[in-house]
Structures are given as C-alpha cells and as structure tokens.
C-alpha cells in the first residue's frame, strides 16, 4: 500500500493520508483531480470495483466531504479517495462513466444532501423522496425532530419514559 500511495503522491496533489488497516487507506485530493485519481487507480492499479460513494456534512467548515471507496479484488485492498467540496455550491463532476452503479450513488447524494453531479443519468429524477419540498434531510441543518413533530400525529404508546424510573417501576411494582 505504501508504494501505491507514493505513486499517487508523485502524480496528484494529495493530503491527509491515513492507513486505517493493512488493506485499507484513505487519501484526500483536490476537487479538480478527484475523478482523474479514481480513473488512474481503476485503469493502472486494478481498483476495478466501486464499493461506495458517500458524503459527510462538515457544516462548521461549510464543506461536504465526498469519499469514493474503491476496491482491488486481486490484492484485497481498498482505498478511499476523499474530496472536499463547498457546501454552498455543492457540485461535483460526474463519474458515472467509470462504474454503472455510480449514477445511483450520485442520485442518492443529490436528493439526500443536495450535491449535484451535472450530466449524471436521471440526476433530476426523484430517487426516494417523491414530492419532497424541504431541505435535503441528510444535511446537518435539517431539524429531524421539528419535521417529525410537524408532520406526524402523536400515537398512543409513543410516550417517553425516564429509563431509571421506568425500570424501577417494572422491577419493584409495589414500591
């Protein structure tokens, strides 16, 4: 894995290399080089399988972190290519041409985080949230509790109990 990272660092402007396990590492790259890096890993280092594309909302920094987790099935290693993008103008170059399942991940991230991948197939279509008119629900500024209280009516059996008091009443019903 060290030789691979040295090769990547000699070709791309990277930072924050982290070796999590013997077979798993993460590296951060600039936005403009991210697709070139994952393409390079696929074409020259046999990282032929896309495991996951995911996002993290770093609201305090005004950024989203995208992580492309790709796998080399020949030597059983995975590398996470991380890229930071602006939260206010959350767009990233589409990479659907590299792996068929990439378009699905990109549609999900658009709907749940509001990250756009221009040119990705069916990117404008609803994925899960048909008719959704609120901010994307995976953004950290989405208030889940408020949304739930305003959307769903209270039902019997949904009361909250203090765990200590509740367990005491169950264990010692005559006290």
Protein backbone atom coordinates (compact mmCIF):
# COMPACT_ATOMS: atom_id res chain seq x y z
CA UNK A 1 0.00 0.00 0.00
CA UNK A 2 2.90 2.38 0.73
CA UNK A 3 4.22 2.03 -2.83
CA UNK A 4 0.77 2.84 -4.20
CA UNK A 5 0.50 5.95 -2.04
CA UNK A 6 3.97 7.12 -3.11
CA UNK A 7 2.92 6.71 -6.74
CA UNK A 8 -0.31 8.66 -6.15
CA UNK A 9 1.53 11.45 -4.31
CA UNK A 10 4.01 11.78 -7.18
CA UNK A 11 1.19 12.32 -9.70
CA UNK A 12 -1.55 14.14 -7.77
CA UNK A 13 -1.80 16.96 -5.24
CA UNK A 14 -2.85 14.96 -2.17
CA UNK A 15 -3.02 15.35 1.59
CA UNK A 16 -4.19 13.59 4.74
CA UNK A 17 -3.01 10.07 4.00
CA UNK A 18 -4.35 7.68 6.64
CA UNK A 19 -3.63 3.95 6.80
CA UNK A 20 -6.61 2.50 8.71
CA UNK A 21 -5.83 -1.19 8.27
CA UNK A 22 -3.25 -3.19 6.37
CA UNK A 23 -5.67 -3.36 3.43
CA UNK A 24 -7.49 -0.01 3.83
CA UNK A 25 -6.20 3.53 3.36
CA UNK A 26 -7.67 6.99 2.75
CA UNK A 27 -6.20 9.92 0.90
CA UNK A 28 -7.57 13.39 0.19
CA UNK A 29 -7.23 15.04 -3.21
CA UNK A 30 -8.26 18.38 -4.66
CA UNK A 31 -11.70 18.52 -6.27
CA UNK A 32 -10.34 19.12 -9.77
CA UNK A 33 -8.17 15.96 -9.56
CA UNK A 34 -10.59 13.56 -7.86
CA UNK A 35 -12.06 11.90 -10.96
CA UNK A 36 -8.63 11.70 -12.58
CA UNK A 37 -7.29 9.93 -9.48
CA UNK A 38 -10.06 7.33 -9.25
CA UNK A 39 -9.74 6.77 -13.01
CA UNK A 40 -5.98 6.31 -12.62
CA UNK A 41 -6.48 3.81 -9.79
CA UNK A 42 -9.01 1.87 -11.85
CA UNK A 43 -7.00 1.83 -15.08
CA UNK A 44 -3.43 1.42 -13.77
CA UNK A 45 -3.72 -0.19 -10.35
CA UNK A 46 -6.68 -2.55 -10.85
CA UNK A 47 -9.05 -0.82 -8.41
CA UNK A 48 -11.86 -2.06 -10.60
CA UNK A 49 -14.74 -2.19 -8.14
CA UNK A 50 -16.62 0.76 -6.69
CA UNK A 51 -17.66 -0.15 -3.16
CA UNK A 52 -19.31 3.12 -2.15
CA UNK A 53 -19.68 6.83 -2.78
CA UNK A 54 -20.73 8.66 0.36
CA UNK A 55 -20.78 12.15 1.85
CA UNK A 56 -20.21 13.81 5.22
CA UNK A 57 -21.61 17.25 6.05
CA UNK A 58 -18.93 19.39 7.74
CA UNK A 59 -21.37 22.25 8.35
CA UNK A 60 -18.94 24.19 10.57
CA UNK A 61 -16.39 24.35 7.73
CA UNK A 62 -19.01 24.95 5.04
CA UNK A 63 -17.90 21.79 3.23
CA UNK A 64 -19.07 18.36 2.17
CA UNK A 65 -16.59 15.51 2.12
CA UNK A 66 -17.14 13.00 -0.66
CA UNK A 67 -15.46 9.61 -0.30
CA UNK A 68 -15.03 7.26 -3.25
CA UNK A 69 -14.27 3.83 -1.74
CA UNK A 70 -12.79 1.59 -4.41
CA UNK A 71 -11.55 -1.96 -4.23
CA UNK A 72 -8.80 -4.01 -5.85
CA UNK A 73 -10.17 -7.58 -5.84
CA UNK A 74 -6.82 -9.03 -6.91
CA UNK A 75 -4.88 -7.98 -3.82
CA UNK A 76 -7.88 -7.41 -1.49
CA UNK A 77 -7.14 -3.76 -0.78
CA UNK A 78 -9.40 -0.72 -0.64
CA UNK A 79 -8.63 2.94 -0.90
CA UNK A 80 -10.89 5.82 -0.01
CA UNK A 81 -10.37 8.88 -2.17
CA UNK A 82 -11.71 11.87 -0.28
CA UNK A 83 -12.51 15.27 -1.75
CA UNK A 84 -13.86 18.39 -0.08
CA UNK A 85 -16.44 20.48 -1.93
CA UNK A 86 -18.15 23.74 -1.00
CA UNK A 87 -21.44 23.28 0.78
CA UNK A 88 -22.98 26.42 -0.74
CA UNK A 89 -22.26 25.41 -4.33
CA UNK A 90 -22.36 21.65 -3.85
CA UNK A 91 -21.43 20.31 -7.26
CA UNK A 92 -19.03 17.60 -8.32
CA UNK A 93 -18.03 16.26 -11.70
CA UNK A 94 -19.97 13.10 -12.52
CA UNK A 95 -18.08 9.83 -12.66
CA UNK A 96 -20.94 7.64 -13.87
CA UNK A 97 -18.87 6.69 -16.92
CA UNK A 98 -16.42 4.78 -14.68
CA UNK A 99 -18.84 2.39 -12.96
CA UNK A 100 -22.50 1.70 -13.74
CA UNK A 101 -23.57 1.86 -10.10
CA UNK A 102 -22.01 5.33 -9.67
CA UNK A 103 -25.11 7.03 -11.12
CA UNK A 104 -27.25 5.52 -8.36
CA UNK A 105 -24.95 6.83 -5.62
CA UNK A 106 -24.90 10.26 -7.26
CA UNK A 107 -28.72 10.39 -7.44
CA UNK A 108 -28.94 9.49 -3.77
CA UNK A 109 -26.41 12.14 -2.73
CA UNK A 110 -28.21 14.77 -4.77
CA UNK A 111 -31.52 14.01 -3.11
CA UNK A 112 -30.30 13.47 0.46
CA UNK A 113 -27.52 16.11 0.64
CA UNK A 114 -28.28 18.43 -2.29
CA UNK A 115 -24.98 17.67 -4.04
CA UNK A 116 -25.31 17.99 -7.81
CA UNK A 117 -23.47 15.84 -10.35
CA UNK A 118 -24.19 17.55 -13.68
CA UNK A 119 -24.53 15.13 -16.58
CA UNK A 120 -25.21 12.08 -14.45
CA UNK A 121 -28.10 9.96 -15.82
CA UNK A 122 -31.52 10.69 -14.31
CA UNK A 123 -29.95 13.06 -11.77
CA UNK A 124 -33.04 15.29 -11.80
CA UNK A 125 -35.50 12.45 -11.09
CA UNK A 126 -36.77 11.66 -7.61
CA UNK A 127 -34.87 8.80 -6.04
CA UNK A 128 -36.57 8.14 -2.69
CA UNK A 129 -38.31 11.32 -1.56
CA UNK A 130 -41.12 11.86 -4.04
CA UNK A 131 -42.62 15.32 -3.65
CA UNK A 132 -40.06 16.42 -1.04
CA UNK A 133 -40.06 20.20 -0.64
CA UNK A 134 -37.81 20.67 2.37
CA UNK A 135 -34.03 20.99 2.60
CA UNK A 136 -32.22 17.70 1.93
CA UNK A 137 -32.71 15.53 5.03
CA UNK A 138 -29.08 14.37 5.45
CA UNK A 139 -27.81 17.92 5.79
CA UNK A 140 -26.95 18.67 9.39
CA UNK A 141 -29.12 21.79 9.44
CA UNK A 142 -32.23 19.72 8.74
CA UNK A 143 -34.17 19.51 12.02
CA UNK A 144 -35.47 15.94 12.14
CA UNK A 145 -37.31 16.41 15.43
CA UNK A 146 -39.12 19.53 14.24
CA UNK A 147 -40.02 17.88 10.93
CA UNK A 148 -41.40 14.81 12.72
CA UNK A 149 -43.42 16.86 15.20
CA UNK A 150 -44.93 18.96 12.39
CA UNK A 151 -45.60 16.04 10.05
CA UNK A 152 -46.75 13.10 12.14
CA UNK A 153 -49.51 12.99 14.73
CA UNK A 154 -48.86 11.55 18.21
CA UNK A 155 -49.98 7.96 18.67
CA UNK A 156 -50.64 6.01 21.86
CA UNK A 157 -47.65 4.01 23.02
CA UNK A 158 -45.14 6.60 21.85
CA UNK A 159 -44.62 8.18 25.25
CA UNK A 160 -41.11 8.76 26.53
CA UNK A 161 -40.12 7.43 29.94
CA UNK A 162 -37.17 8.16 32.13
CA UNK A 163 -35.29 4.83 31.91
CA UNK A 164 -34.35 4.69 35.61
CA UNK A 165 -37.90 5.42 36.82
CA UNK A 166 -39.45 3.07 34.29
CA UNK A 167 -37.15 0.15 35.20
CA UNK A 168 -37.71 0.74 38.92
CA UNK A 169 -41.50 0.57 38.40
CA UNK A 170 -41.12 -2.70 36.44
CA UNK A 171 -38.69 -4.31 38.88
CA UNK A 172 -40.35 -3.09 42.07
CA UNK A 173 -44.03 -2.59 41.24
CA UNK A 174 -45.14 -2.46 44.91
CA UNK A 175 -42.82 0.39 45.99
